Amino acid sequence: MAHDVFISYSTKDKVIADAVCAKLEENKIRVWIAPRDVPPGSNFARAIISAVNVCKVFVLIWSENTSEHILTEVNQAFDRSITIIPFRIQNIQPTEDLQYYIGRTHWLDAIDPPLESHIKDLIDTVNANLGRDKHFIEAKPPELPQTEIIPAREKTEEKPAKGEVPLPPPIQYPQKEFTPADKKRMGIGKLLLIAVGIVVMILAFVLLVSKIISPSLAANSTPSVTPTVTAVPTPATTPIPPENFLLIKDFEDGYIGDWDNRSSTPLEVLTENGNHFVHFTATGDLGYPGMWYIGVGEDWKDYAFESRIRFYGQGVAYCFYENNGSFYQGGLNYPSGTWLSDFIPNLTVPYQTFATGDSTIESNRWYLVRIEVLGDQIAMYIDNRQVLTAQRSSIPYGGIGFITNTENKGQFDVDDIRVWKLK
């Protein structure tokens, strides 16, 4: 697909990159963005370099998450003399490597909310570099040619000019005269139509009467004892402002170096229907090995932790971890049951379960699981439906992770991890 703009970004900034892409395309600007536009089965790196080579404008979503992969893309655009527009979403200065490429380039800052106004400035800048007026998409409808209306003239008898042959008069066809037999057949047809109309009116009257009488009969009849099953409503999810996100991981870049693996079996990045996810197998001496995200600040609190999860034959727990070793967790057990608990070391009973629920849980199926912690309130959701809620006086905060047990080598797959602030 031919495109005007290439968007370079870190997967940690994917939400903002997707928002920029959507707004550019709303304004009729053709965009190439990975992994959406990487052809299935093609070499990922080769597809990116090819897309950079033919773009007209290179938009860099610039934050502290800028990686070596992004520098490679910037270098390619720089070598091809392609216009680079840095879109800075965090208050940081360029590294020495990045300074070489954008040191003399004007930056667009998108640090202070709202993000939408900064994206609008970016759209205007891209249009200017493409040689378009910023209002070029407001096309006027084509003007129709003016048509002269000629008034109708009264019909006059025209005499043929000298030398012209006059047209013959129109042919007059004789009118058919109906015989008595014809008239009799037409009379029978009219009678049949009248009879059909009467039958239709009678049927309509019977239907109307039945609708009027049936409610009164139903009111006097004995009610049915069949129970009514009421579906549990699924709460509507509201859009999350991009600036509220603390972490986004979809593993499309195959990078798992920011995860601490507590199992003796390496983490694996697998592919299913073109989608990348992480596979974890619990092995080793630890009773509950897991994978913990290590790039976490200690000020993470009042936040939600969500991901897609699939486990095999055991169970898995979502954990919120604090550096002193305390954590609380929300778990899914096979074949049934959900629970919330905490673990605080150096106590006589360090592990305490404070909420349980009866939810049918299936093995080898993807679930969307979310745990929200706000103040002293904890809530757990499965597929956007709340299944547990509890209150705790002291909740540790900090990092996130997943754990399972070594019995029968508990395994799980995880994808589309998101963490965001709730206030």
Protein backbone atom coordinates (compact mmCIF):
# COMPACT_ATOMS: atom_id res chain seq x y z
CA MET A 1 0.00 0.00 0.00
CA ALA A 2 1.38 3.40 -0.96
CA HIS A 3 1.77 5.67 2.05
CA ASP A 4 2.82 9.20 2.96
CA VAL A 5 3.86 8.79 6.59
CA PHE A 6 5.85 6.19 8.52
CA ILE A 7 5.28 6.15 12.31
CA SER A 8 8.22 4.98 14.44
CA TYR A 9 7.44 4.18 18.07
CA SER A 10 8.18 1.94 21.05
CA THR A 11 5.61 -0.74 21.87
CA LYS A 12 5.36 0.88 25.31
CA ASP A 13 3.94 3.96 23.56
CA LYS A 14 1.58 1.99 21.29
CA VAL A 15 -1.59 3.66 22.56
CA ILE A 16 -0.34 7.12 21.61
CA ALA A 17 1.05 5.85 18.29
CA ASP A 18 -2.32 4.30 17.42
CA ALA A 19 -4.10 7.55 18.33
CA VAL A 20 -1.74 9.53 16.06
CA CYS A 21 -2.24 7.01 13.25
CA ALA A 22 -6.04 7.18 13.54
CA LYS A 23 -6.13 10.98 13.43
CA LEU A 24 -3.76 11.18 10.47
CA GLU A 25 -5.86 8.72 8.51
CA GLU A 26 -9.05 10.60 9.43
CA ASN A 27 -7.45 13.55 7.65
CA LYS A 28 -6.80 11.50 4.47
CA ILE A 29 -3.08 11.02 5.19
CA ARG A 30 -1.89 7.52 4.28
CA VAL A 31 0.05 5.92 7.15
CA TRP A 32 2.31 2.89 7.49
CA ILE A 33 2.62 1.50 11.04
CA ALA A 34 3.89 -1.81 12.38
CA PRO A 35 2.76 -4.44 13.05
CA ARG A 36 -0.54 -3.59 11.31
CA ASP A 37 0.98 -3.07 7.86
CA VAL A 38 3.61 -5.83 7.91
CA PRO A 39 2.49 -8.36 5.27
CA PRO A 40 1.76 -11.83 6.75
CA GLY A 41 4.72 -14.20 6.43
CA SER A 42 7.19 -11.47 5.44
CA ASN A 43 10.48 -10.61 7.15
CA PHE A 44 9.63 -8.03 9.86
CA ALA A 45 12.86 -6.00 9.63
CA ARG A 46 12.89 -6.00 5.82
CA ALA A 47 9.26 -4.79 5.73
CA ILE A 48 10.07 -1.87 8.06
CA ILE A 49 13.13 -0.75 6.05
CA SER A 50 11.14 -0.94 2.81
CA ALA A 51 8.33 1.15 4.33
CA VAL A 52 10.77 3.81 5.56
CA ASN A 53 12.45 4.03 2.16
CA VAL A 54 9.26 5.02 0.32
CA CYS A 55 7.64 7.31 2.90
CA LYS A 56 7.59 11.09 2.47
CA VAL A 57 7.45 12.03 6.16
CA PHE A 58 8.89 10.10 9.13
CA VAL A 59 7.04 10.71 12.43
CA LEU A 60 8.99 9.73 15.56
CA ILE A 61 6.95 9.13 18.74
CA TRP A 62 9.74 10.18 21.08
CA SER A 63 9.91 9.20 24.75
CA GLU A 64 12.30 7.63 27.21
CA ASN A 65 11.33 4.28 25.68
CA THR A 66 13.23 5.01 22.44
CA SER A 67 15.25 1.87 21.68
CA GLU A 68 18.00 0.73 19.33
CA HIS A 69 15.34 -0.52 16.93
CA ILE A 70 13.91 3.00 16.69
CA LEU A 71 17.39 4.49 16.16
CA THR A 72 17.84 2.08 13.24
CA GLU A 73 14.61 3.35 11.68
CA VAL A 74 15.61 7.00 12.25
CA ASN A 75 19.04 6.35 10.71
CA GLN A 76 17.39 4.86 7.63
CA ALA A 77 15.16 7.92 7.19
CA PHE A 78 18.13 10.23 7.79
CA ASP A 79 20.23 8.46 5.12
CA ARG A 80 17.37 8.78 2.62
CA SER A 81 16.97 12.53 3.38
CA ILE A 82 13.37 11.96 4.50
CA THR A 83 11.73 14.68 6.61
CA ILE A 84 11.79 13.61 10.29
CA ILE A 85 9.21 15.09 12.68
CA PRO A 86 9.97 14.28 16.36
CA PHE A 87 6.74 14.15 18.40
CA ARG A 88 7.99 14.39 21.99
CA ILE A 89 5.54 12.91 24.54
CA GLN A 90 7.80 13.11 27.61
CA ASN A 91 9.94 15.93 28.98
CA ILE A 92 13.31 14.45 28.09
CA GLN A 93 16.36 15.47 26.07
CA PRO A 94 17.71 13.39 23.17
CA THR A 95 20.52 10.94 23.78
CA GLU A 96 23.80 11.56 21.98
CA ASP A 97 22.82 8.99 19.35
CA LEU A 98 19.46 10.61 18.71
CA GLN A 99 20.94 14.13 18.90
CA TYR A 100 22.98 13.34 15.79
CA TYR A 101 19.80 12.85 13.73
CA ILE A 102 17.36 15.40 15.18
CA GLY A 103 19.62 17.96 16.83
CA ARG A 104 18.79 20.62 14.25
CA THR A 105 15.17 19.56 13.77
CA HIS A 106 12.23 21.41 15.28
CA TRP A 107 10.40 19.22 17.82
CA LEU A 108 6.67 19.07 18.37
CA ASP A 109 5.99 18.82 22.10
CA ALA A 110 3.00 16.76 23.30
CA ILE A 111 3.89 16.71 26.98
CA ASP A 112 0.98 18.62 28.49
CA PRO A 113 -2.59 17.37 27.98
CA PRO A 114 -4.79 17.33 26.07
CA LEU A 115 -3.07 15.08 23.56
CA GLU A 116 -5.66 15.81 20.84
CA SER A 117 -4.54 19.43 20.38
CA HIS A 118 -0.91 18.34 19.89
CA ILE A 119 -1.96 15.71 17.34
CA LYS A 120 -3.79 18.47 15.45
CA ASP A 121 -0.54 20.47 15.29
CA LEU A 122 1.21 17.35 14.02
CA ILE A 123 -1.41 16.91 11.28
CA ASP A 124 -0.88 20.52 10.15
CA THR A 125 2.90 20.01 10.12
CA VAL A 126 2.63 16.79 8.11
CA ASN A 127 0.31 18.43 5.59
CA ALA A 128 2.73 21.34 5.20
CA ASN A 129 5.62 18.93 4.52
CA LEU A 130 3.45 17.07 2.01
CA GLY A 131 2.74 20.34 0.21
CA ARG A 132 -0.92 20.34 1.20
CA ASP A 133 -3.02 23.07 2.68
CA LYS A 134 -4.17 22.06 6.16
CA HIS A 135 -7.78 22.34 5.05
CA PHE A 136 -7.25 20.43 1.81
CA ILE A 137 -9.74 17.70 2.74
CA GLU A 138 -12.64 20.14 2.87
CA ALA A 139 -13.46 19.64 -0.81
CA LYS A 140 -16.25 21.69 -2.33
CA PRO A 141 -18.90 19.91 -4.36
CA PRO A 142 -18.42 20.35 -8.11
CA GLU A 143 -20.34 23.20 -9.64
CA LEU A 144 -22.96 22.08 -12.11
CA PRO A 145 -23.11 23.92 -15.47
CA GLN A 146 -25.80 26.54 -15.72
CA THR A 147 -28.68 25.27 -17.83
CA GLU A 148 -30.81 27.74 -19.76
CA ILE A 149 -34.50 27.10 -19.24
CA ILE A 150 -36.46 27.65 -22.44
CA PRO A 151 -40.16 28.33 -21.92
CA ALA A 152 -42.60 26.05 -23.68
CA ARG A 153 -44.25 27.46 -26.77
CA GLU A 154 -47.86 27.02 -27.70
CA LYS A 155 -48.39 24.40 -30.33
CA THR A 156 -49.22 25.94 -33.66
CA GLU A 157 -50.10 24.33 -36.86
CA GLU A 158 -47.04 24.51 -39.05
CA LYS A 159 -47.26 24.38 -42.78
CA PRO A 160 -44.57 22.45 -44.62
CA ALA A 161 -41.99 24.54 -46.35
CA LYS A 162 -41.92 24.70 -50.08
CA GLY A 163 -40.50 21.50 -51.52
CA GLU A 164 -41.12 19.43 -48.32
CA VAL A 165 -43.40 16.40 -48.29
CA PRO A 166 -46.09 16.71 -45.57
CA LEU A 167 -46.30 13.96 -42.96
CA PRO A 168 -49.34 11.70 -43.09
CA PRO A 169 -51.93 12.02 -40.32
CA PRO A 170 -51.70 9.57 -37.38
CA ILE A 171 -53.37 6.21 -37.87
CA GLN A 172 -56.70 5.85 -36.07
CA TYR A 173 -57.17 2.29 -34.77
CA PRO A 174 -60.75 1.06 -34.47
CA GLN A 175 -62.11 0.51 -30.95
CA LYS A 176 -63.07 -3.08 -30.13
CA GLU A 177 -66.71 -3.67 -29.41
CA PHE A 178 -67.30 -6.18 -26.61
CA THR A 179 -69.82 -8.96 -27.18
CA PRO A 180 -72.42 -9.96 -24.53
CA ALA A 181 -70.25 -13.02 -23.70
CA ASP A 182 -67.23 -10.75 -23.06
CA LYS A 183 -69.25 -8.50 -20.79
CA LYS A 184 -70.52 -11.53 -18.85
CA ARG A 185 -66.96 -12.79 -18.20
CA MET A 186 -65.87 -9.33 -17.00
CA GLY A 187 -68.79 -9.23 -14.59
CA ILE A 188 -67.83 -12.58 -13.07
CA GLY A 189 -64.24 -11.31 -12.58
CA LYS A 190 -65.48 -8.23 -10.70
CA LEU A 191 -67.59 -10.44 -8.42
CA LEU A 192 -64.57 -12.62 -7.59
CA LEU A 193 -62.49 -9.55 -6.64
CA ILE A 194 -65.27 -8.29 -4.35
CA ALA A 195 -65.51 -11.73 -2.67
CA VAL A 196 -61.75 -11.84 -2.02
CA GLY A 197 -61.87 -8.36 -0.48
CA ILE A 198 -64.69 -9.40 1.89
CA VAL A 199 -62.72 -12.48 3.06
CA VAL A 200 -59.63 -10.35 3.77
CA MET A 201 -61.67 -7.89 5.87
CA ILE A 202 -63.22 -10.76 7.90
CA LEU A 203 -59.78 -12.24 8.66
CA ALA A 204 -58.45 -8.83 9.75
CA PHE A 205 -61.45 -8.37 12.09
CA VAL A 206 -60.91 -11.83 13.70
CA LEU A 207 -57.19 -11.06 14.28
CA LEU A 208 -58.01 -7.72 15.90
CA VAL A 209 -60.57 -9.30 18.26
CA SER A 210 -58.13 -12.04 19.31
CA LYS A 211 -55.49 -9.44 20.26
CA ILE A 212 -58.00 -7.58 22.41
CA ILE A 213 -59.32 -10.69 24.21
CA SER A 214 -56.02 -12.58 24.76
CA PRO A 215 -54.56 -10.20 27.42
CA SER A 216 -57.63 -10.58 29.61
CA LEU A 217 -57.47 -14.37 29.34
CA ALA A 218 -53.79 -14.32 30.23
CA ALA A 219 -54.51 -12.20 33.32
CA ASN A 220 -57.02 -14.78 34.63
CA SER A 221 -54.84 -17.83 33.88
CA THR A 222 -52.41 -19.50 36.29
CA PRO A 223 -48.86 -18.13 35.88
CA SER A 224 -46.14 -20.48 34.62
CA VAL A 225 -43.63 -21.83 37.14
CA THR A 226 -40.71 -21.83 34.67
CA PRO A 227 -37.90 -19.77 36.29
CA THR A 228 -36.53 -16.75 34.48
CA VAL A 229 -32.77 -16.62 34.00
CA THR A 230 -31.40 -13.09 34.15
CA ALA A 231 -28.05 -12.50 32.43
CA VAL A 232 -25.42 -10.69 34.48
CA PRO A 233 -24.87 -7.34 32.76
CA THR A 234 -21.41 -6.55 31.47
CA PRO A 235 -20.34 -3.05 32.50
CA ALA A 236 -19.51 -0.75 29.59
CA THR A 237 -15.82 0.04 29.39
CA THR A 238 -14.88 3.70 29.05
CA PRO A 239 -11.93 4.92 26.98
CA ILE A 240 -8.70 5.35 28.95
CA PRO A 241 -6.76 8.60 28.37
CA PRO A 242 -3.38 7.74 26.82
CA GLU A 243 -1.50 9.70 29.48
CA ASN A 244 -2.91 7.42 32.21
CA PHE A 245 -1.12 4.30 30.93
CA LEU A 246 1.85 3.10 32.97
CA LEU A 247 2.64 -0.01 30.92
CA ILE A 248 1.58 -1.57 27.62
CA LYS A 249 3.07 -4.89 26.44
CA ASP A 250 1.78 -6.84 23.44
CA PHE A 251 5.09 -8.70 22.70
CA GLU A 252 4.78 -7.98 18.96
CA ASP A 253 8.44 -6.91 18.95
CA GLY A 254 9.44 -10.23 20.56
CA TYR A 255 11.26 -8.42 23.44
CA ILE A 256 10.97 -9.99 26.92
CA GLY A 257 14.18 -8.67 28.48
CA ASP A 258 12.25 -6.49 30.94
CA TRP A 259 10.69 -9.54 32.64
CA ASP A 260 12.27 -11.43 35.56
CA ASN A 261 11.76 -15.16 35.01
CA ARG A 262 11.55 -17.15 38.29
CA SER A 263 11.41 -20.51 36.51
CA SER A 264 14.26 -22.69 35.27
CA THR A 265 12.52 -22.92 31.85
CA PRO A 266 13.11 -19.90 29.60
CA LEU A 267 10.23 -17.67 28.60
CA GLU A 268 9.08 -18.24 25.02
CA VAL A 269 7.54 -15.80 22.55
CA LEU A 270 5.11 -17.84 20.44
CA THR A 271 2.87 -16.94 17.49
CA GLU A 272 -0.77 -17.89 16.96
CA ASN A 273 -2.75 -16.63 13.95
CA GLY A 274 -0.13 -13.93 13.41
CA ASN A 275 -0.30 -12.72 17.04
CA HIS A 276 2.69 -12.85 19.43
CA PHE A 277 2.36 -13.84 23.11
CA VAL A 278 4.55 -15.17 25.95
CA HIS A 279 4.44 -18.79 27.10
CA PHE A 280 5.54 -19.62 30.68
CA THR A 281 6.19 -23.07 32.19
CA ALA A 282 6.62 -23.41 35.97
CA THR A 283 9.67 -25.55 36.73
CA GLY A 284 12.35 -25.47 39.42
CA ASP A 285 12.58 -25.73 43.17
CA LEU A 286 10.33 -22.77 43.97
CA GLY A 287 6.81 -23.71 44.98
CA TYR A 288 5.26 -20.82 43.06
CA PRO A 289 7.61 -19.58 40.33
CA GLY A 290 6.47 -16.71 38.17
CA MET A 291 7.37 -13.90 35.82
CA TRP A 292 7.71 -10.41 37.30
CA TYR A 293 7.95 -7.11 35.48
CA ILE A 294 11.16 -5.46 36.64
CA GLY A 295 10.88 -2.00 35.07
CA VAL A 296 8.45 -0.72 37.71
CA GLY A 297 8.57 2.43 39.81
CA GLU A 298 7.77 2.30 43.51
CA ASP A 299 5.10 5.00 43.17
CA TRP A 300 2.68 2.77 41.28
CA LYS A 301 -0.53 2.79 43.30
CA ASP A 302 -4.26 3.19 42.66
CA TYR A 303 -3.99 1.45 39.34
CA ALA A 304 -5.51 -1.33 37.23
CA PHE A 305 -3.65 -4.39 35.93
CA GLU A 306 -5.18 -6.17 32.91
CA SER A 307 -4.12 -8.79 30.40
CA ARG A 308 -5.33 -11.68 28.31
CA ILE A 309 -4.43 -15.00 29.98
CA ARG A 310 -4.73 -18.67 29.08
CA PHE A 311 -3.61 -21.49 31.37
CA TYR A 312 -3.38 -25.26 31.10
CA GLY A 313 -4.81 -27.58 33.73
CA GLN A 314 -3.78 -25.63 36.84
CA GLY A 315 -4.37 -22.02 37.68
CA VAL A 316 -2.69 -18.66 37.56
CA ALA A 317 -2.60 -15.57 39.75
CA TYR A 318 -2.19 -11.88 38.96
CA CYS A 319 0.13 -10.25 41.49
CA PHE A 320 0.80 -6.72 42.66
CA TYR A 321 4.24 -6.79 44.21
CA GLU A 322 6.13 -4.58 46.64
CA ASN A 323 9.90 -4.54 47.03
CA ASN A 324 9.76 -5.71 50.65
CA GLY A 325 8.36 -9.08 49.49
CA SER A 326 4.67 -8.40 50.20
CA PHE A 327 2.11 -8.83 47.46
CA TYR A 328 -1.58 -9.36 46.90
CA GLN A 329 -3.05 -11.42 44.11
CA GLY A 330 -6.18 -12.37 42.25
CA GLY A 331 -6.36 -15.94 41.03
CA LEU A 332 -8.22 -18.23 38.64
CA ASN A 333 -8.44 -21.90 39.60
CA TYR A 334 -9.37 -24.76 37.30
CA PRO A 335 -12.08 -26.04 37.06
CA SER A 336 -13.88 -23.44 39.14
CA GLY A 337 -13.27 -20.62 41.52
CA THR A 338 -11.70 -17.20 41.79
CA TRP A 339 -10.01 -15.67 44.83
CA LEU A 340 -8.24 -12.64 46.25
CA SER A 341 -5.47 -12.99 48.81
CA ASP A 342 -2.38 -11.29 50.18
CA PHE A 343 1.07 -12.45 51.24
CA ILE A 344 2.95 -10.54 53.91
CA PRO A 345 6.24 -12.16 55.06
CA ASN A 346 7.41 -12.43 58.67
CA LEU A 347 3.87 -13.06 59.92
CA THR A 348 2.68 -16.22 61.68
CA VAL A 349 0.20 -16.77 58.85
CA PRO A 350 1.72 -14.82 55.95
CA TYR A 351 -0.77 -16.03 53.33
CA GLN A 352 -4.43 -15.03 53.78
CA THR A 353 -7.40 -15.42 51.42
CA PHE A 354 -9.95 -12.68 51.97
CA ALA A 355 -12.42 -13.22 49.08
CA THR A 356 -13.56 -16.18 46.97
CA GLY A 357 -16.03 -16.59 44.13
CA ASP A 358 -17.67 -19.37 42.13
CA SER A 359 -16.95 -18.74 38.46
CA THR A 360 -16.70 -21.50 35.89
CA ILE A 361 -13.11 -21.47 34.66
CA GLU A 362 -12.01 -23.46 31.61
CA SER A 363 -8.52 -24.61 30.75
CA ASN A 364 -6.92 -23.70 27.41
CA ARG A 365 -9.15 -20.69 26.83
CA TRP A 366 -8.25 -17.00 26.62
CA TYR A 367 -9.71 -14.75 29.36
CA LEU A 368 -9.49 -10.99 29.77
CA VAL A 369 -8.70 -10.52 33.46
CA ARG A 370 -8.39 -7.20 35.29
CA ILE A 371 -7.68 -6.31 38.93
CA GLU A 372 -8.33 -2.78 40.15
CA VAL A 373 -6.94 -1.34 43.36
CA LEU A 374 -8.19 2.04 44.52
CA GLY A 375 -7.42 3.08 48.08
CA ASP A 376 -8.47 0.13 50.27
CA GLN A 377 -10.78 -1.38 47.63
CA ILE A 378 -9.86 -4.36 45.42
CA ALA A 379 -12.03 -5.64 42.57
CA MET A 380 -11.50 -8.46 40.07
CA TYR A 381 -13.06 -8.67 36.60
CA ILE A 382 -13.22 -11.51 34.07
CA ASP A 383 -14.16 -10.51 30.52
CA ASN A 384 -15.22 -7.08 31.85
CA ARG A 385 -17.63 -8.66 34.38
CA GLN A 386 -16.95 -8.05 38.07
CA VAL A 387 -16.59 -11.35 39.92
CA LEU A 388 -15.02 -10.32 43.25
CA THR A 389 -14.66 -7.25 45.41
CA ALA A 390 -13.07 -6.77 48.83
CA GLN A 391 -11.67 -4.18 51.21
CA ARG A 392 -8.23 -4.28 52.87
CA SER A 393 -6.77 -1.81 55.33
CA SER A 394 -3.21 -2.13 54.03
CA ILE A 395 -2.40 -2.93 50.40
CA PRO A 396 1.18 -3.17 49.13
CA TYR A 397 2.00 -1.57 45.82
CA GLY A 398 4.86 -1.50 43.35
CA GLY A 399 5.42 -4.06 40.57
CA ILE A 400 3.27 -6.60 38.79
CA GLY A 401 3.62 -10.24 37.80
CA PHE A 402 2.06 -13.67 37.34
CA ILE A 403 2.63 -16.85 39.34
CA THR A 404 1.62 -20.50 39.11
CA ASN A 405 2.78 -23.65 40.86
CA THR A 406 5.28 -26.32 39.83
CA GLU A 407 2.84 -29.20 40.33
CA ASN A 408 2.42 -30.89 36.93
CA LYS A 409 4.45 -28.03 35.49
CA GLY A 410 1.76 -25.37 35.55
CA GLN A 411 1.76 -23.36 32.33
CA PHE A 412 0.13 -20.20 31.06
CA ASP A 413 0.15 -17.83 28.09
CA VAL A 414 -0.10 -14.07 28.51
CA ASP A 415 -0.63 -11.20 26.07
CA ASP A 416 -1.86 -7.59 25.78
CA ILE A 417 -0.75 -6.45 29.24
CA ARG A 418 -1.95 -2.99 30.25
CA VAL A 419 -1.49 -1.05 33.48
CA TRP A 420 -3.05 2.36 33.99
CA LYS A 421 -3.72 4.88 36.75
CA LEU A 422 -7.25 5.00 38.13
CA LYS A 423 -6.93 8.54 39.43
